[in-house]
C-alpha atoms as a PDB file:
ATOM      1  CA  MET A   1       0.625   1.521 -37.508  1.00  0.00           C
ATOM      2  CA  ASN A   2       4.325   1.013 -36.953  1.00  0.00           C
ATOM      3  CA  ASN A   3       3.636  -1.311 -34.026  1.00  0.00           C
ATOM      4  CA  LEU A   4       1.173  -3.257 -36.134  1.00  0.00           C
ATOM      5  CA  ALA A   5       3.751  -3.612 -38.917  1.00  0.00           C
ATOM      6  CA  LYS A   6       6.346  -4.858 -36.459  1.00  0.00           C
ATOM      7  CA  VAL A   7       3.939  -7.460 -35.096  1.00  0.00           C
ATOM      8  CA  GLU A   8       3.148  -8.624 -38.604  1.00  0.00           C
ATOM      9  CA  ASN A   9       6.893  -8.900 -39.348  1.00  0.00           C
ATOM     10  CA  TYR A  10       7.466 -10.949 -36.202  1.00  0.00           C
ATOM     11  CA  GLU A  11       4.597 -13.212 -37.111  1.00  0.00           C
ATOM     12  CA  ALA A  12       5.972 -13.649 -40.618  1.00  0.00           C
ATOM     13  CA  VAL A  13       9.459 -14.473 -39.289  1.00  0.00           C
ATOM     14  CA  ALA A  14       8.002 -16.876 -36.739  1.00  0.00           C
ATOM     15  CA  ALA A  15       5.930 -18.579 -39.417  1.00  0.00           C
ATOM     16  CA  GLN A  16       8.966 -18.811 -41.677  1.00  0.00           C
ATOM     17  CA  MET A  17      11.025 -20.334 -38.862  1.00  0.00           C
ATOM     18  CA  VAL A  18       8.280 -22.833 -38.152  1.00  0.00           C
ATOM     19  CA  ASP A  19       8.171 -23.782 -41.809  1.00  0.00           C
ATOM     20  CA  LEU A  20      11.949 -24.196 -41.895  1.00  0.00           C
ATOM     21  CA  GLY A  21      11.850 -26.207 -38.676  1.00  0.00           C
ATOM     22  CA  VAL A  22       9.203 -28.523 -40.056  1.00  0.00           C
ATOM     23  CA  GLU A  23      11.044 -28.864 -43.353  1.00  0.00           C
ATOM     24  CA  TYR A  24      14.441 -29.613 -41.827  1.00  0.00           C
ATOM     25  CA  GLY A  25      12.860 -31.683 -39.087  1.00  0.00           C
ATOM     26  CA  LEU A  26      11.261 -33.915 -41.675  1.00  0.00           C
ATOM     27  CA  SER A  27      14.580 -34.032 -43.550  1.00  0.00           C
ATOM     28  CA  LEU A  28      16.360 -34.997 -40.333  1.00  0.00           C
ATOM     29  CA  VAL A  29      13.851 -37.744 -39.594  1.00  0.00           C
ATOM     30  CA  SER A  30      14.111 -39.009 -43.177  1.00  0.00           C
ATOM     31  CA  ALA A  31      17.910 -38.931 -42.982  1.00  0.00           C
ATOM     32  CA  ILE A  32      17.898 -40.938 -39.747  1.00  0.00           C
ATOM     33  CA  VAL A  33      15.496 -43.492 -41.247  1.00  0.00           C
ATOM     34  CA  ILE A  34      17.644 -43.789 -44.386  1.00  0.00           C
ATOM     35  CA  LEU A  35      20.797 -44.129 -42.283  1.00  0.00           C
ATOM     36  CA  ILE A  36      19.336 -46.896 -40.123  1.00  0.00           C
ATOM     37  CA  ALA A  37      17.834 -48.686 -43.128  1.00  0.00           C
ATOM     38  CA  GLY A  38      21.090 -48.451 -45.078  1.00  0.00           C
ATOM     39  CA  TYR A  39      23.109 -49.738 -42.141  1.00  0.00           C
ATOM     40  CA  MET A  40      20.763 -52.702 -41.686  1.00  0.00           C
ATOM     41  CA  LEU A  41      20.669 -53.393 -45.425  1.00  0.00           C
ATOM     42  CA  ALA A  42      24.475 -53.333 -45.645  1.00  0.00           C
ATOM     43  CA  GLY A  43      24.774 -55.879 -42.854  1.00  0.00           C
ATOM     44  CA  TRP A  44      22.042 -58.093 -44.317  1.00  0.00           C
ATOM     45  CA  ILE A  45      23.554 -58.128 -47.818  1.00  0.00           C
ATOM     46  CA  SER A  46      27.043 -58.742 -46.411  1.00  0.00           C
ATOM     47  CA  ARG A  47      25.793 -61.763 -44.453  1.00  0.00           C
ATOM     48  CA  ALA A  48      23.761 -62.982 -47.423  1.00  0.00           C
ATOM     49  CA  ILE A  49      26.826 -62.911 -49.677  1.00  0.00           C
ATOM     50  CA  ARG A  50      28.833 -64.859 -47.098  1.00  0.00           C
ATOM     51  CA  ASN A  51      26.105 -67.473 -46.660  1.00  0.00           C
ATOM     52  CA  ARG A  52      25.199 -67.876 -50.328  1.00  0.00           C
ATOM     53  CA  LEU A  53      28.757 -68.001 -51.647  1.00  0.00           C
ATOM     54  CA  GLY A  54      29.865 -70.154 -48.704  1.00  0.00           C
ATOM     55  CA  ALA A  55      27.252 -72.742 -49.695  1.00  0.00           C
ATOM     56  CA  LEU A  56      28.729 -73.053 -53.193  1.00  0.00           C
ATOM     57  CA  LYS A  57      31.262 -75.877 -53.112  1.00  0.00           C
ATOM     58  CA  LYS A  58      33.154 -74.745 -56.212  1.00  0.00           C
ATOM     59  CA  PHE A  59      33.462 -71.095 -55.165  1.00  0.00           C
ATOM     60  CA  ASP A  60      36.823 -70.047 -53.721  1.00  0.00           C
ATOM     61  CA  LYS A  61      36.354 -69.368 -49.994  1.00  0.00           C
ATOM     62  CA  THR A  62      39.224 -66.875 -50.060  1.00  0.00           C
ATOM     63  CA  LEU A  63      37.171 -64.328 -52.029  1.00  0.00           C
ATOM     64  CA  ILE A  64      34.051 -64.433 -49.829  1.00  0.00           C
ATOM     65  CA  PRO A  65      35.184 -62.027 -47.036  1.00  0.00           C
ATOM     66  CA  ILE A  66      36.523 -59.352 -49.386  1.00  0.00           C
ATOM     67  CA  LEU A  67      33.410 -59.465 -51.612  1.00  0.00           C
ATOM     68  CA  SER A  68      31.081 -59.164 -48.634  1.00  0.00           C
ATOM     69  CA  GLN A  69      33.090 -56.219 -47.267  1.00  0.00           C
ATOM     70  CA  ILE A  70      33.086 -54.434 -50.646  1.00  0.00           C
ATOM     71  CA  ALA A  71      29.295 -54.811 -50.873  1.00  0.00           C
ATOM     72  CA  ARG A  72      28.852 -53.521 -47.329  1.00  0.00           C
ATOM     73  CA  TYR A  73      31.012 -50.415 -47.805  1.00  0.00           C
ATOM     74  CA  ALA A  74      29.413 -49.670 -51.192  1.00  0.00           C
ATOM     75  CA  ILE A  75      25.932 -49.666 -49.642  1.00  0.00           C
ATOM     76  CA  LEU A  76      27.094 -47.508 -46.735  1.00  0.00           C
ATOM     77  CA  THR A  77      28.614 -44.998 -49.176  1.00  0.00           C
ATOM     78  CA  PHE A  78      25.391 -44.857 -51.198  1.00  0.00           C
ATOM     79  CA  THR A  79      23.440 -44.403 -47.937  1.00  0.00           C
ATOM     80  CA  PHE A  80      25.683 -41.490 -46.965  1.00  0.00           C
ATOM     81  CA  ILE A  81      24.994 -39.816 -50.325  1.00  0.00           C
ATOM     82  CA  LEU A  82      21.225 -40.232 -49.864  1.00  0.00           C
ATOM     83  CA  VAL A  83      21.448 -38.715 -46.376  1.00  0.00           C
ATOM     84  CA  LEU A  84      23.246 -35.648 -47.729  1.00  0.00           C
ATOM     85  CA  ALA A  85      20.712 -35.366 -50.562  1.00  0.00           C
ATOM     86  CA  GLU A  86      17.924 -35.150 -47.978  1.00  0.00           C
ATOM     87  CA  PHE A  87      19.369 -31.815 -46.845  1.00  0.00           C
ATOM     88  CA  GLY A  88      19.366 -30.411 -50.370  1.00  0.00           C
ATOM     89  CA  ILE A  89      23.019 -30.929 -51.199  1.00  0.00           C
ATOM     90  CA  GLN A  90      23.434 -31.425 -54.962  1.00  0.00           C
ATOM     91  CA  THR A  91      25.018 -34.597 -56.386  1.00  0.00           C
ATOM     92  CA  THR A  92      27.908 -32.674 -57.923  1.00  0.00           C
ATOM     93  CA  SER A  93      28.603 -31.075 -54.573  1.00  0.00           C
ATOM     94  CA  ILE A  94      28.445 -34.477 -52.888  1.00  0.00           C
ATOM     95  CA  ILE A  95      30.972 -35.909 -55.345  1.00  0.00           C
ATOM     96  CA  ALA A  96      33.271 -32.921 -54.800  1.00  0.00           C
ATOM     97  CA  VAL A  97      32.979 -33.271 -51.026  1.00  0.00           C
ATOM     98  CA  LEU A  98      33.620 -37.011 -51.193  1.00  0.00           C
ATOM     99  CA  GLY A  99      36.620 -36.436 -53.456  1.00  0.00           C
ATOM    100  CA  ALA A 100      38.135 -33.878 -51.119  1.00  0.00           C
ATOM    101  CA  ALA A 101      37.355 -36.026 -48.085  1.00  0.00           C
ATOM    102  CA  GLY A 102      38.817 -39.083 -49.801  1.00  0.00           C
ATOM    103  CA  LEU A 103      42.035 -37.205 -50.583  1.00  0.00           C
ATOM    104  CA  ALA A 104      42.340 -35.935 -47.020  1.00  0.00           C
ATOM    105  CA  ILE A 105      41.583 -39.346 -45.539  1.00  0.00           C
ATOM    106  CA  GLY A 106      43.992 -40.980 -47.962  1.00  0.00           C
ATOM    107  CA  LEU A 107      46.827 -38.704 -46.881  1.00  0.00           C
ATOM    108  CA  ALA A 108      46.014 -39.236 -43.210  1.00  0.00           C
ATOM    109  CA  LEU A 109      45.608 -42.997 -43.476  1.00  0.00           C
ATOM    110  CA  GLN A 110      48.379 -44.019 -45.836  1.00  0.00           C
ATOM    111  CA  GLY A 111      49.105 -47.142 -43.809  1.00  0.00           C
ATOM    112  CA  THR A 112      45.470 -48.237 -43.987  1.00  0.00           C
ATOM    113  CA  LEU A 113      45.386 -47.757 -47.751  1.00  0.00           C
ATOM    114  CA  GLN A 114      48.575 -49.808 -48.012  1.00  0.00           C
ATOM    115  CA  ASN A 115      46.726 -52.614 -46.245  1.00  0.00           C
ATOM    116  CA  VAL A 116      43.912 -52.388 -48.799  1.00  0.00           C
ATOM    117  CA  ALA A 117      46.359 -52.418 -51.734  1.00  0.00           C
ATOM    118  CA  SER A 118      48.275 -55.314 -50.184  1.00  0.00           C
ATOM    119  CA  GLY A 119      45.027 -57.228 -49.677  1.00  0.00           C
ATOM    120  CA  VAL A 120      44.192 -56.782 -53.362  1.00  0.00           C
ATOM    121  CA  MET A 121      47.636 -58.081 -54.357  1.00  0.00           C
ATOM    122  CA  LEU A 122      47.303 -61.081 -52.021  1.00  0.00           C
ATOM    123  CA  LEU A 123      43.966 -61.950 -53.619  1.00  0.00           C
ATOM    124  CA  PHE A 124      45.284 -61.373 -57.152  1.00  0.00           C
ATOM    125  CA  LEU A 125      48.597 -63.285 -56.906  1.00  0.00           C
ATOM    126  CA  ARG A 126      47.271 -65.864 -54.427  1.00  0.00           C
ATOM    127  CA  PRO A 127      50.401 -66.911 -52.488  1.00  0.00           C
ATOM    128  CA  PHE A 128      47.988 -68.584 -50.057  1.00  0.00           C
ATOM    129  CA  LYS A 129      44.275 -69.182 -49.558  1.00  0.00           C
ATOM    130  CA  VAL A 130      41.896 -69.786 -46.686  1.00  0.00           C
ATOM    131  CA  GLY A 131      42.834 -73.005 -44.862  1.00  0.00           C
ATOM    132  CA  ASP A 132      46.565 -72.849 -45.679  1.00  0.00           C
ATOM    133  CA  PHE A 133      49.180 -72.850 -42.926  1.00  0.00           C
ATOM    134  CA  ILE A 134      51.632 -70.028 -43.595  1.00  0.00           C
ATOM    135  CA  GLU A 135      54.710 -68.487 -41.981  1.00  0.00           C
ATOM    136  CA  THR A 136      55.255 -64.756 -42.511  1.00  0.00           C
ATOM    137  CA  GLY A 137      56.966 -61.801 -40.912  1.00  0.00           C
ATOM    138  CA  ALA A 138      53.641 -61.031 -39.197  1.00  0.00           C
ATOM    139  CA  GLY A 139      53.333 -64.472 -37.620  1.00  0.00           C
ATOM    140  CA  SER A 140      52.354 -68.011 -38.545  1.00  0.00           C
ATOM    141  CA  GLY A 141      49.114 -69.967 -38.477  1.00  0.00           C
ATOM    142  CA  THR A 142      46.185 -71.325 -40.450  1.00  0.00           C
ATOM    143  CA  VAL A 143      44.475 -68.636 -42.542  1.00  0.00           C
ATOM    144  CA  ASP A 144      40.822 -68.072 -41.604  1.00  0.00           C
ATOM    145  CA  GLU A 145      40.105 -64.916 -43.605  1.00  0.00           C
ATOM    146  CA  ILE A 146      41.761 -62.440 -45.966  1.00  0.00           C
ATOM    147  CA  GLY A 147      39.977 -59.118 -45.421  1.00  0.00           C
ATOM    148  CA  MET A 148      40.362 -55.651 -46.911  1.00  0.00           C
ATOM    149  CA  PHE A 149      42.649 -54.479 -44.103  1.00  0.00           C
ATOM    150  CA  MET A 150      43.992 -57.558 -42.324  1.00  0.00           C
ATOM    151  CA  THR A 151      44.438 -61.307 -42.536  1.00  0.00           C
ATOM    152  CA  ARG A 152      43.092 -63.419 -39.681  1.00  0.00           C
ATOM    153  CA  MET A 153      44.918 -66.592 -38.647  1.00  0.00           C
ATOM    154  CA  ARG A 154      44.865 -69.314 -35.973  1.00  0.00           C
ATOM    155  CA  THR A 155      48.174 -70.523 -34.580  1.00  0.00           C
ATOM    156  CA  SER A 156      48.814 -74.189 -33.794  1.00  0.00           C
ATOM    157  CA  GLN A 157      48.381 -73.257 -30.108  1.00  0.00           C
ATOM    158  CA  GLY A 158      44.855 -72.017 -30.802  1.00  0.00           C
ATOM    159  CA  ILE A 159      45.736 -68.307 -30.593  1.00  0.00           C
ATOM    160  CA  PHE A 160      43.971 -65.738 -32.780  1.00  0.00           C
ATOM    161  CA  VAL A 161      46.269 -63.519 -34.880  1.00  0.00           C
ATOM    162  CA  ALA A 162      45.139 -60.478 -36.899  1.00  0.00           C
ATOM    163  CA  ALA A 163      48.015 -59.398 -39.153  1.00  0.00           C
ATOM    164  CA  PRO A 164      47.977 -56.228 -41.343  1.00  0.00           C
ATOM    165  CA  ASN A 165      47.974 -57.114 -45.025  1.00  0.00           C
ATOM    166  CA  SER A 166      50.867 -54.730 -45.736  1.00  0.00           C
ATOM    167  CA  LYS A 167      53.112 -56.502 -43.218  1.00  0.00           C
ATOM    168  CA  ILE A 168      52.384 -59.886 -44.779  1.00  0.00           C
ATOM    169  CA  TRP A 169      52.844 -58.618 -48.343  1.00  0.00           C
ATOM    170  CA  SER A 170      56.164 -56.910 -47.539  1.00  0.00           C
ATOM    171  CA  SER A 171      57.700 -60.071 -46.019  1.00  0.00           C
ATOM    172  CA  SER A 172      58.511 -63.494 -47.420  1.00  0.00           C
ATOM    173  CA  ILE A 173      55.637 -65.975 -47.255  1.00  0.00           C
ATOM    174  CA  THR A 174      56.197 -69.665 -46.552  1.00  0.00           C
ATOM    175  CA  ASN A 175      53.149 -71.729 -47.476  1.00  0.00           C
ATOM    176  CA  CYS A 176      53.332 -75.124 -45.766  1.00  0.00           C
ATOM    177  CA  SER A 177      50.076 -76.283 -47.381  1.00  0.00           C
ATOM    178  CA  ARG A 178      50.632 -75.454 -51.059  1.00  0.00           C
ATOM    179  CA  LEU A 179      52.456 -78.650 -52.099  1.00  0.00           C
ATOM    180  CA  PRO A 180      51.023 -82.143 -51.476  1.00  0.00           C
ATOM    181  CA  ASN A 181      54.159 -83.760 -49.976  1.00  0.00           C
ATOM    182  CA  ARG A 182      56.778 -82.805 -47.392  1.00  0.00           C
ATOM    183  CA  ARG A 183      60.175 -84.266 -46.525  1.00  0.00           C
ATOM    184  CA  ILE A 184      61.178 -85.367 -43.049  1.00  0.00           C
ATOM    185  CA  ASP A 185      64.807 -84.596 -42.181  1.00  0.00           C
ATOM    186  CA  LEU A 186      65.803 -86.516 -39.060  1.00  0.00           C
ATOM    187  CA  VAL A 187      69.378 -86.417 -37.729  1.00  0.00           C
ATOM    188  CA  VAL A 188      70.460 -89.303 -35.478  1.00  0.00           C
ATOM    189  CA  GLY A 189      73.849 -89.406 -33.790  1.00  0.00           C
ATOM    190  CA  ILE A 190      75.560 -92.721 -32.969  1.00  0.00           C
ATOM    191  CA  SER A 191      78.776 -93.507 -31.150  1.00  0.00           C
ATOM    192  CA  TYR A 192      82.096 -93.726 -32.973  1.00  0.00           C
ATOM    193  CA  ASP A 193      82.382 -97.288 -31.670  1.00  0.00           C
ATOM    194  CA  ASP A 194      79.120 -98.436 -33.308  1.00  0.00           C
ATOM    195  CA  ASP A 195      78.717-100.030 -36.743  1.00  0.00           C
ATOM    196  CA  ILE A 196      77.648 -97.306 -39.195  1.00  0.00           C
ATOM    197  CA  ASP A 197      76.318 -99.702 -41.851  1.00  0.00           C
ATOM    198  CA  LYS A 198      74.274-101.611 -39.280  1.00  0.00           C
ATOM    199  CA  ALA A 199      72.725 -98.385 -37.964  1.00  0.00           C
ATOM    200  CA  ARG A 200      71.997 -97.139 -41.497  1.00  0.00           C
ATOM    201  CA  ALA A 201      70.325-100.406 -42.488  1.00  0.00           C
ATOM    202  CA  LEU A 202      68.256-100.452 -39.303  1.00  0.00           C
ATOM    203  CA  ILE A 203      66.990 -96.884 -39.699  1.00  0.00           C
ATOM    204  CA  LEU A 204      66.311 -97.363 -43.418  1.00  0.00           C
ATOM    205  CA  LYS A 205      64.306-100.551 -42.817  1.00  0.00           C
ATOM    206  CA  LEU A 206      62.316 -98.820 -40.119  1.00  0.00           C
ATOM    207  CA  ALA A 207      61.503 -95.854 -42.392  1.00  0.00           C
ATOM    208  CA  LYS A 208      60.421 -98.044 -45.318  1.00  0.00           C
ATOM    209  CA  GLY A 209      57.989 -99.951 -43.127  1.00  0.00           C
ATOM    210  CA  LYS A 210      56.571 -96.889 -41.362  1.00  0.00           C
ATOM    211  CA  ASP A 211      52.941 -95.948 -42.023  1.00  0.00           C
ATOM    212  CA  GLY A 212      52.676 -92.573 -43.752  1.00  0.00           C
ATOM    213  CA  VAL A 213      56.134 -92.710 -45.344  1.00  0.00           C
ATOM    214  CA  LEU A 214      55.919 -92.688 -49.144  1.00  0.00           C
ATOM    215  CA  LYS A 215      57.554 -95.403 -51.238  1.00  0.00           C
ATOM    216  CA  GLU A 216      58.551 -92.846 -53.869  1.00  0.00           C
ATOM    217  CA  PRO A 217      60.760 -90.939 -53.450  1.00  0.00           C
ATOM    218  CA  ALA A 218      62.327 -93.724 -51.419  1.00  0.00           C
ATOM    219  CA  PRO A 219      63.772 -92.966 -47.960  1.00  0.00           C
ATOM    220  CA  VAL A 220      67.556 -92.562 -47.734  1.00  0.00           C
ATOM    221  CA  VAL A 221      70.014 -92.575 -44.827  1.00  0.00           C
ATOM    222  CA  ASN A 222      73.482 -91.072 -45.177  1.00  0.00           C
ATOM    223  CA  VAL A 223      76.385 -89.998 -42.972  1.00  0.00           C
ATOM    224  CA  THR A 224      76.253 -86.217 -42.869  1.00  0.00           C
ATOM    225  CA  ASN A 225      78.696 -85.183 -40.166  1.00  0.00           C
ATOM    226  CA  LEU A 226      81.512 -86.380 -37.915  1.00  0.00           C
ATOM    227  CA  GLY A 227      80.741 -84.480 -34.752  1.00  0.00           C
ATOM    228  CA  ASP A 228      82.693 -83.977 -31.550  1.00  0.00           C
ATOM    229  CA  SER A 229      80.993 -86.879 -29.813  1.00  0.00           C
ATOM    230  CA  SER A 230      78.930 -88.666 -32.491  1.00  0.00           C
ATOM    231  CA  VAL A 231      78.677 -89.813 -36.074  1.00  0.00           C
ATOM    232  CA  ASP A 232      75.570 -88.100 -37.469  1.00  0.00           C
ATOM    233  CA  LEU A 233      73.234 -90.043 -39.741  1.00  0.00           C
ATOM    234  CA  GLU A 234      70.452 -88.176 -41.531  1.00  0.00           C
ATOM    235  CA  LEU A 235      67.203 -89.837 -42.545  1.00  0.00           C
ATOM    236  CA  ARG A 236      65.310 -88.224 -45.405  1.00  0.00           C
ATOM    237  CA  ALA A 237      61.802 -89.567 -45.945  1.00  0.00           C
ATOM    238  CA  TRP A 238      58.794 -88.143 -47.797  1.00  0.00           C
ATOM    239  CA  THR A 239      55.221 -88.075 -46.514  1.00  0.00           C
ATOM    240  CA  SER A 240      51.960 -86.478 -47.548  1.00  0.00           C
ATOM    241  CA  ARG A 241      51.304 -83.083 -46.044  1.00  0.00           C
ATOM    242  CA  GLN A 242      48.551 -84.454 -43.812  1.00  0.00           C
ATOM    243  CA  ASP A 243      50.757 -87.247 -42.395  1.00  0.00           C
ATOM    244  CA  TYR A 244      53.895 -85.169 -41.816  1.00  0.00           C
ATOM    245  CA  TRP A 245      53.799 -84.565 -38.078  1.00  0.00           C
ATOM    246  CA  GLU A 246      52.442 -87.956 -37.097  1.00  0.00           C
ATOM    247  CA  ALA A 247      55.056 -89.720 -39.248  1.00  0.00           C
ATOM    248  CA  ARG A 248      57.886 -87.530 -37.926  1.00  0.00           C
ATOM    249  CA  TRP A 249      57.003 -88.038 -34.272  1.00  0.00           C
ATOM    250  CA  GLY A 250      56.543 -91.763 -34.853  1.00  0.00           C
ATOM    251  CA  LEU A 251      59.931 -92.087 -36.540  1.00  0.00           C
ATOM    252  CA  ILE A 252      61.722 -90.269 -33.716  1.00  0.00           C
ATOM    253  CA  ARG A 253      60.197 -92.626 -31.163  1.00  0.00           C
ATOM    254  CA  ASP A 254      60.691 -95.828 -33.171  1.00  0.00           C
ATOM    255  CA  VAL A 255      64.309 -95.036 -34.125  1.00  0.00           C
ATOM    256  CA  LYS A 256      65.214 -94.574 -30.471  1.00  0.00           C
ATOM    257  CA  TYR A 257      63.624 -97.891 -29.478  1.00  0.00           C
ATOM    258  CA  ALA A 258      65.182 -99.746 -32.429  1.00  0.00           C
ATOM    259  CA  LEU A 259      68.710 -98.457 -31.753  1.00  0.00           C
ATOM    260  CA  ASP A 260      68.425 -99.308 -28.061  1.00  0.00           C
ATOM    261  CA  LYS A 261      67.269-102.831 -28.900  1.00  0.00           C
ATOM    262  CA  ALA A 262      70.196-103.305 -31.319  1.00  0.00           C
ATOM    263  CA  GLY A 263      72.705-102.085 -28.752  1.00  0.00           C
ATOM    264  CA  ILE A 264      73.578 -98.938 -30.717  1.00  0.00           C
ATOM    265  CA  SER A 265      74.066 -95.973 -28.435  1.00  0.00           C
ATOM    266  CA  ILE A 266      73.010 -92.389 -29.031  1.00  0.00           C
ATOM    267  CA  PRO A 267      75.776 -90.349 -27.334  1.00  0.00           C
ATOM    268  CA  TYR A 268      75.205 -87.045 -25.626  1.00  0.00           C
ATOM    269  CA  PRO A 269      77.701 -84.283 -24.824  1.00  0.00           C
ATOM    270  CA  HIS A 270      79.623 -84.821 -21.600  1.00  0.00           C
ATOM    271  CA  MET A 271      82.499 -83.177 -19.804  1.00  0.00           C
ATOM    272  CA  GLN A 272      85.504 -85.007 -18.435  1.00  0.00           C
ATOM    273  CA  VAL A 273      87.358 -83.311 -15.599  1.00  0.00           C
ATOM    274  CA  ILE A 274      91.042 -84.341 -15.090  1.00  0.00           C
ATOM    275  CA  SER A 275      92.685 -83.298 -11.890  1.00  0.00           C
ATOM    276  CA  GLN A 276      96.468 -82.982 -11.695  1.00  0.00           C
ATOM    277  CA  LYS A 277      98.247 -83.751  -8.456  1.00  0.00           C
ATOM    278  CA  GLU A 278     101.227 -81.666  -7.588  1.00  0.00           C
END
């Protein structure tokens, strides 16, 4: 009788283990399905937000990346909660676990959270937007995307730069694209033997007739320095932001040709060696 009772107990335990295995096996399969579905859904919604908002002409392109990332992480968080619920963990327990995990992660990843906070401030105060050319302590380039953790830029040499938001926010930001016009400051040195008024008139006439140079404010040329080997004239001319570099390079070239044609020399530093005979 004792042996029979033991066999019955073993059979009961085995049956209970089988039931638990089936139950948790089904939960595991369901959790995996939910995890895969949530991951795919998060990616699909993130791409949909980018595509739909990107097609709207009046919508600010700067907000698209951060909104798509927020939607993606929100869906992944909800998916994680559903996966835990499949194993019988109560919602209150899930919230407590997430709170404790969030606190621990926050303490361990303070720098990452600073990037998130800095990204929010960049989007709120808007010192620059997508498409602007900026210069910061983290580098310079044309802004392609402002994300939750980093800002992506392209340099003028075609190099990709990913700068942490906190590094950009903590440094001064120079936005070369915010204002519509820029001023060209071009210093030209002439010889002390040349006619200053003639050189000024020549450079000023050239600037006023140059394509891309604005009529107002009008270009000016003034003597700014009496150097060791030259009299320095400075041309100040305004252009639109889009025409700045082409107008600047054109003025440098044309001023050189015009001064050469007029017989006005542009001196360069030289050294004179005097030998003394005993």
